[in-house]
Amino acid sequence: MTDRTHLPTKRTFLVRLSDEADPSGGRYCGRVEHLQSGQTMRFQSEGNFKEFFSAILLERIKHEQSEQIGEET
């Protein structure tokens, strides 16, 4: 079976979970890095982790949209 899902490198993240992380207990803590920008954050909860992803992805989407608008003019 061929995977037809495109996985762009600009959306690549490195996640490192600390020794204290316990997914079975709902405890997520560690460090996440957006590889293209180099932005990093330490997180202490699943919510912090998701906030980082959302902020980076929304920023990238806005940037891409502004580039497209610039190309059209």
PDB file of N, CA and C in Angstrom:
ATOM      1  N   MET A   1       0.842  -1.176   0.000  1.00  0.00           N
ATOM      2  CA  MET A   1       0.000   0.000   0.000  1.00  0.00           C
ATOM      3  C   MET A   1       0.887   1.240   0.000  1.00  0.00           C
ATOM      4  N   THR A   2       0.562   2.213  -0.830  1.00  0.00           N
ATOM      5  CA  THR A   2       1.327   3.442  -0.942  1.00  0.00           C
ATOM      6  C   THR A   2       0.699   4.524  -0.071  1.00  0.00           C
ATOM      7  N   ASP A   3       1.530   5.209   0.714  1.00  0.00           N
ATOM      8  CA  ASP A   3       1.060   6.324   1.534  1.00  0.00           C
ATOM      9  C   ASP A   3       1.019   7.572   0.671  1.00  0.00           C
ATOM     10  N   ARG A   4      -0.161   8.106   0.444  1.00  0.00           N
ATOM     11  CA  ARG A   4      -0.314   9.266  -0.424  1.00  0.00           C
ATOM     12  C   ARG A   4      -0.351  10.569   0.375  1.00  0.00           C
ATOM     13  N   THR A   5      -0.138  10.491   1.659  1.00  0.00           N
ATOM     14  CA  THR A   5      -0.153  11.672   2.500  1.00  0.00           C
ATOM     15  C   THR A   5       1.178  12.388   2.383  1.00  0.00           C
ATOM     16  N   HIS A   6       1.115  13.655   2.002  1.00  0.00           N
ATOM     17  CA  HIS A   6       2.329  14.460   1.893  1.00  0.00           C
ATOM     18  C   HIS A   6       2.720  14.956   3.285  1.00  0.00           C
ATOM     19  N   LEU A   7       3.954  14.746   3.670  1.00  0.00           N
ATOM     20  CA  LEU A   7       4.451  15.190   4.965  1.00  0.00           C
ATOM     21  C   LEU A   7       5.555  16.222   4.749  1.00  0.00           C
ATOM     22  N   PRO A   8       5.187  17.510   4.685  1.00  0.00           N
ATOM     23  CA  PRO A   8       6.171  18.541   4.387  1.00  0.00           C
ATOM     24  C   PRO A   8       7.185  18.710   5.524  1.00  0.00           C
ATOM     25  N   THR A   9       8.423  18.902   5.141  1.00  0.00           N
ATOM     26  CA  THR A   9       9.483  19.058   6.145  1.00  0.00           C
ATOM     27  C   THR A   9       9.309  20.325   6.962  1.00  0.00           C
ATOM     28  N   LYS A  10       8.629  21.330   6.422  1.00  0.00           N
ATOM     29  CA  LYS A  10       8.419  22.562   7.176  1.00  0.00           C
ATOM     30  C   LYS A  10       7.465  22.360   8.353  1.00  0.00           C
ATOM     31  N   ARG A  11       6.880  21.186   8.437  1.00  0.00           N
ATOM     32  CA  ARG A  11       6.003  20.853   9.557  1.00  0.00           C
ATOM     33  C   ARG A  11       6.601  19.720  10.394  1.00  0.00           C
ATOM     34  N   THR A  12       7.915  19.680  10.456  1.00  0.00           N
ATOM     35  CA  THR A  12       8.606  18.635  11.200  1.00  0.00           C
ATOM     36  C   THR A  12       8.966  19.133  12.595  1.00  0.00           C
ATOM     37  N   PHE A  13       8.638  18.330  13.584  1.00  0.00           N
ATOM     38  CA  PHE A  13       8.911  18.650  14.978  1.00  0.00           C
ATOM     39  C   PHE A  13       9.702  17.497  15.606  1.00  0.00           C
ATOM     40  N   LEU A  14      10.553  17.855  16.550  1.00  0.00           N
ATOM     41  CA  LEU A  14      11.273  16.857  17.337  1.00  0.00           C
ATOM     42  C   LEU A  14      10.726  16.941  18.749  1.00  0.00           C
ATOM     43  N   VAL A  15      10.273  15.816  19.266  1.00  0.00           N
ATOM     44  CA  VAL A  15       9.702  15.776  20.615  1.00  0.00           C
ATOM     45  C   VAL A  15      10.573  14.886  21.478  1.00  0.00           C
ATOM     46  N   ARG A  16      10.958  15.427  22.624  1.00  0.00           N
ATOM     47  CA  ARG A  16      11.726  14.637  23.598  1.00  0.00           C
ATOM     48  C   ARG A  16      10.939  14.606  24.893  1.00  0.00           C
ATOM     49  N   LEU A  17      10.583  13.432  25.328  1.00  0.00           N
ATOM     50  CA  LEU A  17       9.867  13.276  26.591  1.00  0.00           C
ATOM     51  C   LEU A  17      10.864  13.074  27.719  1.00  0.00           C
ATOM     52  N   SER A  18      10.603  13.713  28.845  1.00  0.00           N
ATOM     53  CA  SER A  18      11.495  13.576  29.998  1.00  0.00           C
ATOM     54  C   SER A  18      11.231  12.248  30.707  1.00  0.00           C
ATOM     55  N   ASP A  19      12.105  11.893  31.628  1.00  0.00           N
ATOM     56  CA  ASP A  19      11.935  10.661  32.399  1.00  0.00           C
ATOM     57  C   ASP A  19      10.667  10.695  33.253  1.00  0.00           C
ATOM     58  N   GLU A  20      10.204  11.910  33.582  1.00  0.00           N
ATOM     59  CA  GLU A  20       9.008  12.057  34.408  1.00  0.00           C
ATOM     60  C   GLU A  20       7.717  11.853  33.615  1.00  0.00           C
ATOM     61  N   ALA A  21       7.801  11.847  32.304  1.00  0.00           N
ATOM     62  CA  ALA A  21       6.609  11.672  31.474  1.00  0.00           C
ATOM     63  C   ALA A  21       6.001  10.299  31.725  1.00  0.00           C
ATOM     64  N   ASP A  22       4.680  10.279  31.836  1.00  0.00           N
ATOM     65  CA  ASP A  22       3.943   9.030  32.067  1.00  0.00           C
ATOM     66  C   ASP A  22       2.649   9.073  31.258  1.00  0.00           C
ATOM     67  N   PRO A  23       2.727   8.738  29.962  1.00  0.00           N
ATOM     68  CA  PRO A  23       1.527   8.805  29.127  1.00  0.00           C
ATOM     69  C   PRO A  23       0.357   7.983  29.668  1.00  0.00           C
ATOM     70  N   SER A  24       0.635   6.861  30.296  1.00  0.00           N
ATOM     71  CA  SER A  24      -0.467   6.051  30.834  1.00  0.00           C
ATOM     72  C   SER A  24      -1.174   6.781  31.968  1.00  0.00           C
ATOM     73  N   GLY A  25      -0.468   7.679  32.644  1.00  0.00           N
ATOM     74  CA  GLY A  25      -1.068   8.482  33.698  1.00  0.00           C
ATOM     75  C   GLY A  25      -1.477   9.864  33.230  1.00  0.00           C
ATOM     76  N   GLY A  26      -1.338  10.112  31.932  1.00  0.00           N
ATOM     77  CA  GLY A  26      -1.733  11.406  31.385  1.00  0.00           C
ATOM     78  C   GLY A  26      -0.732  12.521  31.643  1.00  0.00           C
ATOM     79  N   ARG A  27       0.502  12.176  31.997  1.00  0.00           N
ATOM     80  CA  ARG A  27       1.519  13.200  32.271  1.00  0.00           C
ATOM     81  C   ARG A  27       2.486  13.280  31.098  1.00  0.00           C
ATOM     82  N   TYR A  28       2.481  14.422  30.441  1.00  0.00           N
ATOM     83  CA  TYR A  28       3.369  14.678  29.313  1.00  0.00           C
ATOM     84  C   TYR A  28       4.260  15.850  29.667  1.00  0.00           C
ATOM     85  N   CYS A  29       5.554  15.638  29.659  1.00  0.00           N
ATOM     86  CA  CYS A  29       6.490  16.728  29.903  1.00  0.00           C
ATOM     87  C   CYS A  29       7.774  16.432  29.139  1.00  0.00           C
ATOM     88  N   GLY A  30       8.396  17.505  28.677  1.00  0.00           N
ATOM     89  CA  GLY A  30       9.611  17.351  27.898  1.00  0.00           C
ATOM     90  C   GLY A  30       9.905  18.606  27.119  1.00  0.00           C
ATOM     91  N   ARG A  31      10.418  18.432  25.934  1.00  0.00           N
ATOM     92  CA  ARG A  31      10.829  19.553  25.091  1.00  0.00           C
ATOM     93  C   ARG A  31      10.412  19.258  23.654  1.00  0.00           C
ATOM     94  N   VAL A  32       9.936  20.285  22.965  1.00  0.00           N
ATOM     95  CA  VAL A  32       9.554  20.151  21.565  1.00  0.00           C
ATOM     96  C   VAL A  32      10.271  21.233  20.771  1.00  0.00           C
ATOM     97  N   GLU A  33      10.705  20.882  19.563  1.00  0.00           N
ATOM     98  CA  GLU A  33      11.410  21.821  18.700  1.00  0.00           C
ATOM     99  C   GLU A  33      10.828  21.756  17.290  1.00  0.00           C
ATOM    100  N   HIS A  34      10.575  22.934  16.719  1.00  0.00           N
ATOM    101  CA  HIS A  34      10.174  23.020  15.318  1.00  0.00           C
ATOM    102  C   HIS A  34      11.479  23.088  14.537  1.00  0.00           C
ATOM    103  N   LEU A  35      11.771  22.083  13.743  1.00  0.00           N
ATOM    104  CA  LEU A  35      13.088  21.964  13.123  1.00  0.00           C
ATOM    105  C   LEU A  35      13.396  23.054  12.105  1.00  0.00           C
ATOM    106  N   GLN A  36      12.410  23.515  11.358  1.00  0.00           N
ATOM    107  CA  GLN A  36      12.683  24.533  10.344  1.00  0.00           C
ATOM    108  C   GLN A  36      13.045  25.871  10.975  1.00  0.00           C
ATOM    109  N   SER A  37      12.332  26.284  12.005  1.00  0.00           N
ATOM    110  CA  SER A  37      12.571  27.592  12.613  1.00  0.00           C
ATOM    111  C   SER A  37      13.544  27.543  13.784  1.00  0.00           C
ATOM    112  N   GLY A  38      13.701  26.379  14.383  1.00  0.00           N
ATOM    113  CA  GLY A  38      14.561  26.261  15.557  1.00  0.00           C
ATOM    114  C   GLY A  38      13.872  26.666  16.848  1.00  0.00           C
ATOM    115  N   GLN A  39      12.590  27.029  16.775  1.00  0.00           N
ATOM    116  CA  GLN A  39      11.862  27.417  17.974  1.00  0.00           C
ATOM    117  C   GLN A  39      11.677  26.202  18.871  1.00  0.00           C
ATOM    118  N   THR A  40      11.867  26.422  20.171  1.00  0.00           N
ATOM    119  CA  THR A  40      11.726  25.327  21.127  1.00  0.00           C
ATOM    120  C   THR A  40      10.850  25.758  22.295  1.00  0.00           C
ATOM    121  N   MET A  41      10.347  24.769  22.999  1.00  0.00           N
ATOM    122  CA  MET A  41       9.582  25.017  24.205  1.00  0.00           C
ATOM    123  C   MET A  41       9.638  23.781  25.097  1.00  0.00           C
ATOM    124  N   ARG A  42       9.774  24.037  26.373  1.00  0.00           N
ATOM    125  CA  ARG A  42       9.606  22.954  27.351  1.00  0.00           C
ATOM    126  C   ARG A  42       8.132  22.923  27.713  1.00  0.00           C
ATOM    127  N   PHE A  43       7.581  21.726  27.809  1.00  0.00           N
ATOM    128  CA  PHE A  43       6.164  21.606  28.132  1.00  0.00           C
ATOM    129  C   PHE A  43       5.981  20.712  29.344  1.00  0.00           C
ATOM    130  N   GLN A  44       4.907  21.009  30.082  1.00  0.00           N
ATOM    131  CA  GLN A  44       4.596  20.274  31.310  1.00  0.00           C
ATOM    132  C   GLN A  44       3.234  19.583  31.238  1.00  0.00           C
ATOM    133  N   SER A  45       2.573  19.755  30.104  1.00  0.00           N
ATOM    134  CA  SER A  45       1.253  19.130  29.953  1.00  0.00           C
ATOM    135  C   SER A  45       0.957  18.926  28.473  1.00  0.00           C
ATOM    136  N   GLU A  46      -0.015  18.101  28.214  1.00  0.00           N
ATOM    137  CA  GLU A  46      -0.456  17.872  26.841  1.00  0.00           C
ATOM    138  C   GLU A  46      -0.976  19.174  26.237  1.00  0.00           C
ATOM    139  N   GLY A  47      -1.624  19.995  27.064  1.00  0.00           N
ATOM    140  CA  GLY A  47      -2.148  21.272  26.598  1.00  0.00           C
ATOM    141  C   GLY A  47      -1.045  22.213  26.141  1.00  0.00           C
ATOM    142  N   ASN A  48       0.063  22.304  26.924  1.00  0.00           N
ATOM    143  CA  ASN A  48       1.206  23.143  26.533  1.00  0.00           C
ATOM    144  C   ASN A  48       1.775  22.678  25.206  1.00  0.00           C
ATOM    145  N   PHE A  49       1.873  21.382  25.075  1.00  0.00           N
ATOM    146  CA  PHE A  49       2.416  20.758  23.880  1.00  0.00           C
ATOM    147  C   PHE A  49       1.574  21.126  22.660  1.00  0.00           C
ATOM    148  N   LYS A  50       0.255  21.012  22.780  1.00  0.00           N
ATOM    149  CA  LYS A  50      -0.661  21.335  21.685  1.00  0.00           C
ATOM    150  C   LYS A  50      -0.630  22.824  21.366  1.00  0.00           C
ATOM    151  N   GLU A  51      -0.502  23.674  22.379  1.00  0.00           N
ATOM    152  CA  GLU A  51      -0.429  25.119  22.159  1.00  0.00           C
ATOM    153  C   GLU A  51       0.776  25.476  21.293  1.00  0.00           C
ATOM    154  N   PHE A  52       1.902  24.831  21.544  1.00  0.00           N
ATOM    155  CA  PHE A  52       3.110  25.094  20.769  1.00  0.00           C
ATOM    156  C   PHE A  52       2.884  24.707  19.311  1.00  0.00           C
ATOM    157  N   PHE A  53       2.367  23.512  19.088  1.00  0.00           N
ATOM    158  CA  PHE A  53       2.076  23.072  17.718  1.00  0.00           C
ATOM    159  C   PHE A  53       1.144  24.049  17.021  1.00  0.00           C
ATOM    160  N   SER A  54       0.070  24.417  17.691  1.00  0.00           N
ATOM    161  CA  SER A  54      -0.909  25.324  17.097  1.00  0.00           C
ATOM    162  C   SER A  54      -0.288  26.672  16.755  1.00  0.00           C
ATOM    163  N   ALA A  55       0.490  27.230  17.665  1.00  0.00           N
ATOM    164  CA  ALA A  55       1.102  28.544  17.433  1.00  0.00           C
ATOM    165  C   ALA A  55       2.041  28.495  16.232  1.00  0.00           C
ATOM    166  N   ILE A  56       2.876  27.474  16.160  1.00  0.00           N
ATOM    167  CA  ILE A  56       3.827  27.350  15.046  1.00  0.00           C
ATOM    168  C   ILE A  56       3.078  27.162  13.729  1.00  0.00           C
ATOM    169  N   LEU A  57       2.122  26.264  13.701  1.00  0.00           N
ATOM    170  CA  LEU A  57       1.412  25.973  12.464  1.00  0.00           C
ATOM    171  C   LEU A  57       0.581  27.167  11.994  1.00  0.00           C
ATOM    172  N   LEU A  58      -0.077  27.849  12.908  1.00  0.00           N
ATOM    173  CA  LEU A  58      -0.854  29.028  12.513  1.00  0.00           C
ATOM    174  C   LEU A  58       0.058  30.123  11.976  1.00  0.00           C
ATOM    175  N   GLU A  59       1.219  30.297  12.584  1.00  0.00           N
ATOM    176  CA  GLU A  59       2.196  31.278  12.106  1.00  0.00           C
ATOM    177  C   GLU A  59       2.661  30.940  10.691  1.00  0.00           C
ATOM    178  N   ARG A  60       2.943  29.666  10.446  1.00  0.00           N
ATOM    179  CA  ARG A  60       3.398  29.222   9.126  1.00  0.00           C
ATOM    180  C   ARG A  60       2.295  29.424   8.079  1.00  0.00           C
ATOM    181  N   ILE A  61       1.056  29.106   8.445  1.00  0.00           N
ATOM    182  CA  ILE A  61      -0.058  29.267   7.510  1.00  0.00           C
ATOM    183  C   ILE A  61      -0.223  30.735   7.140  1.00  0.00           C
ATOM    184  N   LYS A  62      -0.176  31.626   8.125  1.00  0.00           N
ATOM    185  CA  LYS A  62      -0.296  33.070   7.849  1.00  0.00           C
ATOM    186  C   LYS A  62       0.835  33.535   6.943  1.00  0.00           C
ATOM    187  N   HIS A  63       2.038  33.054   7.211  1.00  0.00           N
ATOM    188  CA  HIS A  63       3.204  33.428   6.404  1.00  0.00           C
ATOM    189  C   HIS A  63       3.022  32.966   4.954  1.00  0.00           C
ATOM    190  N   GLU A  64       2.594  31.723   4.779  1.00  0.00           N
ATOM    191  CA  GLU A  64       2.386  31.179   3.434  1.00  0.00           C
ATOM    192  C   GLU A  64       1.289  31.945   2.694  1.00  0.00           C
ATOM    193  N   GLN A  65       0.220  32.297   3.398  1.00  0.00           N
ATOM    194  CA  GLN A  65      -0.865  33.045   2.767  1.00  0.00           C
ATOM    195  C   GLN A  65      -0.398  34.433   2.342  1.00  0.00           C
ATOM    196  N   SER A  66       0.397  35.099   3.170  1.00  0.00           N
ATOM    197  CA  SER A  66       0.883  36.430   2.807  1.00  0.00           C
ATOM    198  C   SER A  66       1.841  36.350   1.624  1.00  0.00           C
ATOM    199  N   GLU A  67       2.622  35.280   1.524  1.00  0.00           N
ATOM    200  CA  GLU A  67       3.503  35.089   0.370  1.00  0.00           C
ATOM    201  C   GLU A  67       2.676  34.899  -0.906  1.00  0.00           C
ATOM    202  N   GLN A  68       1.597  34.129  -0.814  1.00  0.00           N
ATOM    203  CA  GLN A  68       0.742  33.891  -1.980  1.00  0.00           C
ATOM    204  C   GLN A  68       0.078  35.194  -2.443  1.00  0.00           C
ATOM    205  N   ILE A  69      -0.362  36.007  -1.497  1.00  0.00           N
ATOM    206  CA  ILE A  69      -0.982  37.284  -1.838  1.00  0.00           C
ATOM    207  C   ILE A  69       0.055  38.188  -2.515  1.00  0.00           C
ATOM    208  N   GLY A  70       1.283  38.184  -2.019  1.00  0.00           N
ATOM    209  CA  GLY A  70       2.356  38.978  -2.609  1.00  0.00           C
ATOM    210  C   GLY A  70       2.680  38.548  -4.030  1.00  0.00           C
ATOM    211  N   GLU A  71       2.597  37.251  -4.298  1.00  0.00           N
ATOM    212  CA  GLU A  71       2.875  36.736  -5.634  1.00  0.00           C
ATOM    213  C   GLU A  71       1.777  37.112  -6.628  1.00  0.00           C
ATOM    214  N   GLU A  72       0.558  37.263  -6.131  1.00  0.00           N
ATOM    215  CA  GLU A  72      -0.586  37.567  -6.988  1.00  0.00           C
ATOM    216  C   GLU A  72      -0.606  39.037  -7.417  1.00  0.00           C
ATOM    217  N   THR A  73       0.036  39.897  -6.641  1.00  0.00           N
ATOM    218  CA  THR A  73      -0.015  41.329  -6.973  1.00  0.00           C
ATOM    219  C   THR A  73       1.113  41.742  -7.882  1.00  0.00           C
TER     220      THR A  73
END
